[in-house]
Each structure stands twice: as C-alpha cells, then as structure tokens.
Amino acid sequence: MRIHVVCGAGASSTFVALRLRKSAAARGLSVHVTAGSESDLDSVLPNVDVLLVGPHLASRFAAIRLNADAAGVEARLLPDTVFAARDGEEALALALDAAGTHS
C-alpha cells in the first residue's frame, strides 16, 4: 500500500509519515509512506493508494477529496490528535481502513 501524508507545507506530515512507517514495520506490513505539501498533490496522487490529510487542512478537505477521488485515491482527514501521538498507530489504522485492509 502506498500512503501519502499531506499538510500545508510538508513539515508536520513528515513526522507523521515517519511514525506511520515505524508502526507498519512493527506489524510487518508492507507500506510505502511519503509526505509532502498540498501544492504537490497533483503530481503525487497518481502514485498513491491512500491520502491522509492533516487536520489543519479541514476547510479544504472537500476539494482535496474530490481531486483524490478523480485519481482513484482514498482520502481521509487525520484527527487533531495525530500530530501529538507517540506512534503512528492512529494514522496507520485510518490508512488501513481507507484501503479496506484491517490488520
């Protein structure tokens, strides 16, 4: 599964992606996780299965989801708690749910 975490500038999404990778590896799951900014979405969407959107982009989530839907990508809005989480379990669970995989 290919997961992309997006935030406004790409900084906070990088931390979420790192924790998500570690949680997936601990479970033995094969995932490829990238992170970036909202401005990169057009070039990224063709190469991912799941898009996780930072909570601070909630006001633009409907438009982001429309673009993701057009690319055949499942998009989910991350909860506010994800950036303070000690691990990537919450983000991983959301991605697995979006992909229809429950591990």
N, C-alpha and C. Protein backbone atom coordinates (compact mmCIF):
# COMPACT_ATOMS: atom_id res chain seq x y z
N MET A 1 0.85 -1.17 0.00
CA MET A 1 0.00 0.00 0.00
C MET A 1 0.90 1.24 0.00
N ARG A 2 0.51 2.20 -0.79
CA ARG A 2 1.24 3.46 -0.88
C ARG A 2 0.40 4.56 -0.22
N ILE A 3 0.97 5.16 0.82
CA ILE A 3 0.28 6.16 1.62
C ILE A 3 1.03 7.48 1.49
N HIS A 4 0.28 8.56 1.30
CA HIS A 4 0.89 9.88 1.28
C HIS A 4 0.21 10.73 2.35
N VAL A 5 1.03 11.37 3.19
CA VAL A 5 0.53 12.25 4.24
C VAL A 5 0.79 13.68 3.78
N VAL A 6 -0.25 14.50 3.82
CA VAL A 6 -0.12 15.87 3.33
C VAL A 6 -0.50 16.87 4.41
N CYS A 7 0.26 17.95 4.44
CA CYS A 7 -0.07 19.08 5.31
C CYS A 7 0.19 20.34 4.49
N GLY A 8 0.08 21.48 5.11
CA GLY A 8 0.22 22.73 4.38
C GLY A 8 1.57 22.90 3.72
N ALA A 9 2.64 22.75 4.50
CA ALA A 9 3.99 23.00 3.98
C ALA A 9 4.82 21.73 3.86
N GLY A 10 4.39 20.63 4.45
CA GLY A 10 5.11 19.37 4.35
C GLY A 10 5.96 19.02 5.55
N ALA A 11 6.07 19.91 6.52
CA ALA A 11 6.93 19.64 7.68
C ALA A 11 6.28 18.68 8.67
N SER A 12 5.09 19.00 9.14
CA SER A 12 4.45 18.15 10.14
C SER A 12 4.07 16.80 9.56
N SER A 13 3.74 16.75 8.29
CA SER A 13 3.40 15.47 7.66
C SER A 13 4.59 14.53 7.64
N THR A 14 5.80 15.06 7.58
CA THR A 14 7.00 14.24 7.59
C THR A 14 7.12 13.47 8.90
N PHE A 15 6.80 14.11 10.02
CA PHE A 15 6.85 13.45 11.32
C PHE A 15 5.78 12.36 11.43
N VAL A 16 4.59 12.64 10.93
CA VAL A 16 3.53 11.64 10.94
C VAL A 16 3.92 10.45 10.07
N ALA A 17 4.48 10.71 8.90
CA ALA A 17 4.90 9.64 7.99
C ALA A 17 5.96 8.75 8.64
N LEU A 18 6.90 9.34 9.32
CA LEU A 18 7.95 8.58 9.99
C LEU A 18 7.35 7.65 11.05
N ARG A 19 6.46 8.17 11.88
CA ARG A 19 5.83 7.33 12.91
C ARG A 19 4.95 6.26 12.28
N LEU A 20 4.27 6.60 11.20
CA LEU A 20 3.43 5.63 10.50
C LEU A 20 4.28 4.49 9.94
N ARG A 21 5.42 4.81 9.34
CA ARG A 21 6.34 3.78 8.82
C ARG A 21 6.78 2.84 9.93
N LYS A 22 7.15 3.40 11.07
CA LYS A 22 7.61 2.58 12.19
C LYS A 22 6.52 1.65 12.70
N SER A 23 5.31 2.15 12.81
CA SER A 23 4.19 1.32 13.26
C SER A 23 3.90 0.21 12.27
N ALA A 24 3.94 0.52 10.98
CA ALA A 24 3.70 -0.51 9.96
C ALA A 24 4.80 -1.57 10.00
N ALA A 25 6.04 -1.14 10.13
CA ALA A 25 7.16 -2.09 10.19
C ALA A 25 7.04 -3.00 11.40
N ALA A 26 6.62 -2.44 12.53
CA ALA A 26 6.46 -3.24 13.75
C ALA A 26 5.39 -4.31 13.58
N ARG A 27 4.43 -4.06 12.73
CA ARG A 27 3.37 -5.04 12.44
C ARG A 27 3.74 -5.96 11.28
N GLY A 28 4.85 -5.69 10.63
CA GLY A 28 5.26 -6.49 9.49
C GLY A 28 4.48 -6.18 8.23
N LEU A 29 3.92 -4.99 8.15
CA LEU A 29 3.13 -4.59 6.99
C LEU A 29 4.02 -3.95 5.93
N SER A 30 3.73 -4.24 4.70
CA SER A 30 4.48 -3.66 3.59
C SER A 30 3.77 -2.40 3.11
N VAL A 31 4.32 -1.26 3.51
CA VAL A 31 3.76 0.03 3.09
C VAL A 31 4.89 0.94 2.64
N HIS A 32 4.54 1.82 1.75
CA HIS A 32 5.46 2.87 1.32
C HIS A 32 4.78 4.18 1.69
N VAL A 33 5.41 4.94 2.58
CA VAL A 33 4.80 6.17 3.09
C VAL A 33 5.64 7.36 2.68
N THR A 34 4.98 8.34 2.10
CA THR A 34 5.63 9.59 1.72
C THR A 34 4.89 10.74 2.39
N ALA A 35 5.51 11.89 2.37
CA ALA A 35 4.90 13.08 2.96
C ALA A 35 5.19 14.27 2.09
N GLY A 36 4.30 15.26 2.15
CA GLY A 36 4.54 16.45 1.36
C GLY A 36 3.51 17.52 1.62
N SER A 37 3.58 18.53 0.80
CA SER A 37 2.70 19.68 0.95
C SER A 37 1.50 19.57 0.02
N GLU A 38 0.51 20.37 0.31
CA GLU A 38 -0.70 20.40 -0.50
C GLU A 38 -0.39 20.78 -1.95
N SER A 39 0.60 21.62 -2.15
CA SER A 39 0.93 22.08 -3.50
C SER A 39 1.49 20.96 -4.39
N ASP A 40 1.92 19.86 -3.80
CA ASP A 40 2.48 18.74 -4.57
C ASP A 40 1.44 17.69 -4.97
N LEU A 41 0.21 17.85 -4.54
CA LEU A 41 -0.78 16.79 -4.70
C LEU A 41 -1.00 16.34 -6.14
N ASP A 42 -1.06 17.25 -7.08
CA ASP A 42 -1.34 16.85 -8.46
C ASP A 42 -0.31 15.85 -8.98
N SER A 43 0.94 16.01 -8.59
CA SER A 43 1.97 15.09 -9.07
C SER A 43 2.04 13.82 -8.23
N VAL A 44 1.54 13.86 -7.01
CA VAL A 44 1.63 12.72 -6.11
C VAL A 44 0.45 11.75 -6.25
N LEU A 45 -0.73 12.28 -6.44
CA LEU A 45 -1.93 11.44 -6.42
C LEU A 45 -1.90 10.24 -7.37
N PRO A 46 -1.34 10.35 -8.56
CA PRO A 46 -1.32 9.16 -9.43
C PRO A 46 -0.47 8.01 -8.88
N ASN A 47 0.31 8.27 -7.85
CA ASN A 47 1.24 7.26 -7.35
C ASN A 47 0.93 6.75 -5.95
N VAL A 48 -0.26 7.04 -5.43
CA VAL A 48 -0.61 6.59 -4.08
C VAL A 48 -1.96 5.90 -4.06
N ASP A 49 -2.18 5.13 -3.00
CA ASP A 49 -3.46 4.44 -2.79
C ASP A 49 -4.32 5.16 -1.77
N VAL A 50 -3.65 5.73 -0.75
CA VAL A 50 -4.35 6.40 0.34
C VAL A 50 -3.70 7.75 0.60
N LEU A 51 -4.53 8.76 0.75
CA LEU A 51 -4.07 10.11 1.08
C LEU A 51 -4.58 10.45 2.46
N LEU A 52 -3.66 10.77 3.37
CA LEU A 52 -4.02 11.21 4.71
C LEU A 52 -3.77 12.71 4.79
N VAL A 53 -4.80 13.45 5.13
CA VAL A 53 -4.76 14.91 5.09
C VAL A 53 -4.71 15.47 6.51
N GLY A 54 -3.75 16.35 6.74
CA GLY A 54 -3.59 16.97 8.05
C GLY A 54 -4.83 17.72 8.48
N PRO A 55 -5.14 17.71 9.78
CA PRO A 55 -6.36 18.33 10.28
C PRO A 55 -6.44 19.83 10.04
N HIS A 56 -5.32 20.49 9.90
CA HIS A 56 -5.35 21.94 9.66
C HIS A 56 -5.79 22.27 8.23
N LEU A 57 -5.95 21.25 7.40
CA LEU A 57 -6.48 21.44 6.04
C LEU A 57 -7.96 21.06 5.96
N ALA A 58 -8.61 20.94 7.10
CA ALA A 58 -10.02 20.52 7.14
C ALA A 58 -10.92 21.41 6.28
N SER A 59 -10.66 22.70 6.27
CA SER A 59 -11.51 23.61 5.49
C SER A 59 -11.37 23.37 3.98
N ARG A 60 -10.31 22.72 3.55
CA ARG A 60 -10.10 22.43 2.13
C ARG A 60 -10.25 20.95 1.80
N PHE A 61 -10.64 20.16 2.82
CA PHE A 61 -10.69 18.72 2.63
C PHE A 61 -11.66 18.29 1.54
N ALA A 62 -12.81 18.92 1.43
CA ALA A 62 -13.78 18.53 0.40
C ALA A 62 -13.16 18.65 -1.00
N ALA A 63 -12.46 19.73 -1.26
CA ALA A 63 -11.82 19.91 -2.57
C ALA A 63 -10.68 18.92 -2.78
N ILE A 64 -9.91 18.69 -1.72
CA ILE A 64 -8.81 17.72 -1.81
C ILE A 64 -9.36 16.33 -2.09
N ARG A 65 -10.45 15.99 -1.40
CA ARG A 65 -11.07 14.67 -1.59
C ARG A 65 -11.59 14.51 -3.02
N LEU A 66 -12.16 15.56 -3.59
CA LEU A 66 -12.62 15.48 -4.98
C LEU A 66 -11.47 15.16 -5.93
N ASN A 67 -10.33 15.81 -5.74
CA ASN A 67 -9.16 15.53 -6.57
C ASN A 67 -8.67 14.10 -6.35
N ALA A 68 -8.67 13.66 -5.11
CA ALA A 68 -8.25 12.29 -4.80
C ALA A 68 -9.20 11.28 -5.43
N ASP A 69 -10.50 11.52 -5.31
CA ASP A 69 -11.50 10.62 -5.92
C ASP A 69 -11.28 10.51 -7.42
N ALA A 70 -11.00 11.63 -8.06
CA ALA A 70 -10.78 11.63 -9.51
C ALA A 70 -9.56 10.80 -9.89
N ALA A 71 -8.59 10.71 -8.97
CA ALA A 71 -7.38 9.93 -9.22
C ALA A 71 -7.51 8.49 -8.72
N GLY A 72 -8.68 8.14 -8.17
CA GLY A 72 -8.89 6.79 -7.65
C GLY A 72 -8.19 6.55 -6.32
N VAL A 73 -8.00 7.60 -5.54
CA VAL A 73 -7.28 7.53 -4.27
C VAL A 73 -8.26 7.76 -3.13
N GLU A 74 -8.17 6.93 -2.10
CA GLU A 74 -8.98 7.10 -0.91
C GLU A 74 -8.36 8.18 -0.04
N ALA A 75 -9.12 9.18 0.34
CA ALA A 75 -8.62 10.28 1.17
C ALA A 75 -9.32 10.27 2.52
N ARG A 76 -8.54 10.51 3.55
CA ARG A 76 -9.08 10.61 4.91
C ARG A 76 -8.48 11.82 5.60
N LEU A 77 -9.29 12.48 6.40
CA LEU A 77 -8.84 13.61 7.19
C LEU A 77 -8.31 13.08 8.52
N LEU A 78 -7.07 13.41 8.83
CA LEU A 78 -6.47 12.98 10.09
C LEU A 78 -7.08 13.74 11.26
N PRO A 79 -7.23 13.09 12.40
CA PRO A 79 -7.75 13.79 13.59
C PRO A 79 -6.70 14.72 14.17
N ASP A 80 -7.13 15.68 14.96
CA ASP A 80 -6.22 16.63 15.60
C ASP A 80 -5.15 15.96 16.45
N THR A 81 -5.47 14.80 16.99
CA THR A 81 -4.55 14.10 17.90
C THR A 81 -3.34 13.48 17.21
N VAL A 82 -3.36 13.37 15.90
CA VAL A 82 -2.32 12.62 15.19
C VAL A 82 -0.93 13.25 15.30
N PHE A 83 -0.83 14.56 15.38
CA PHE A 83 0.48 15.18 15.43
C PHE A 83 1.13 15.07 16.81
N ALA A 84 0.32 14.87 17.83
CA ALA A 84 0.85 14.72 19.18
C ALA A 84 1.06 13.25 19.57
N ALA A 85 0.62 12.34 18.72
CA ALA A 85 0.72 10.91 19.03
C ALA A 85 2.17 10.47 19.15
N ARG A 86 2.41 9.52 20.04
CA ARG A 86 3.76 9.00 20.25
C ARG A 86 4.16 7.99 19.18
N ASP A 87 3.15 7.42 18.52
CA ASP A 87 3.43 6.44 17.48
C ASP A 87 2.50 6.70 16.30
N GLY A 88 2.58 5.86 15.31
CA GLY A 88 1.78 6.05 14.11
C GLY A 88 0.56 5.18 14.02
N GLU A 89 0.16 4.60 15.15
CA GLU A 89 -0.96 3.65 15.14
C GLU A 89 -2.26 4.27 14.67
N GLU A 90 -2.57 5.46 15.13
CA GLU A 90 -3.83 6.11 14.75
C GLU A 90 -3.86 6.39 13.25
N ALA A 91 -2.78 6.91 12.72
CA ALA A 91 -2.71 7.19 11.29
C ALA A 91 -2.71 5.90 10.47
N LEU A 92 -2.01 4.88 10.97
CA LEU A 92 -1.99 3.59 10.27
C LEU A 92 -3.37 2.97 10.23
N ALA A 93 -4.09 3.00 11.34
CA ALA A 93 -5.44 2.45 11.38
C ALA A 93 -6.35 3.15 10.38
N LEU A 94 -6.21 4.46 10.28
CA LEU A 94 -7.02 5.23 9.33
C LEU A 94 -6.68 4.83 7.90
N ALA A 95 -5.40 4.68 7.61
CA ALA A 95 -4.97 4.29 6.26
C ALA A 95 -5.44 2.88 5.91
N LEU A 96 -5.31 1.96 6.85
CA LEU A 96 -5.76 0.58 6.61
C LEU A 96 -7.26 0.54 6.37
N ASP A 97 -8.01 1.30 7.15
CA ASP A 97 -9.45 1.38 6.95
C ASP A 97 -9.79 1.95 5.58
N ALA A 98 -9.08 3.00 5.17
CA ALA A 98 -9.33 3.61 3.87
C ALA A 98 -9.06 2.63 2.74
N ALA A 99 -8.05 1.78 2.94
CA ALA A 99 -7.68 0.82 1.90
C ALA A 99 -8.51 -0.45 1.98
N GLY A 100 -9.36 -0.55 3.01
CA GLY A 100 -10.17 -1.74 3.16
C GLY A 100 -9.39 -2.91 3.72
N THR A 101 -8.26 -2.61 4.36
CA THR A 101 -7.41 -3.64 4.96
C THR A 101 -7.45 -3.44 6.46
N HIS A 102 -7.68 -4.50 7.18
CA HIS A 102 -7.73 -4.38 8.65
C HIS A 102 -6.73 -5.36 9.23
N SER A 103 -5.61 -4.83 9.70
CA SER A 103 -4.58 -5.67 10.31
C SER A 103 -4.29 -5.19 11.70
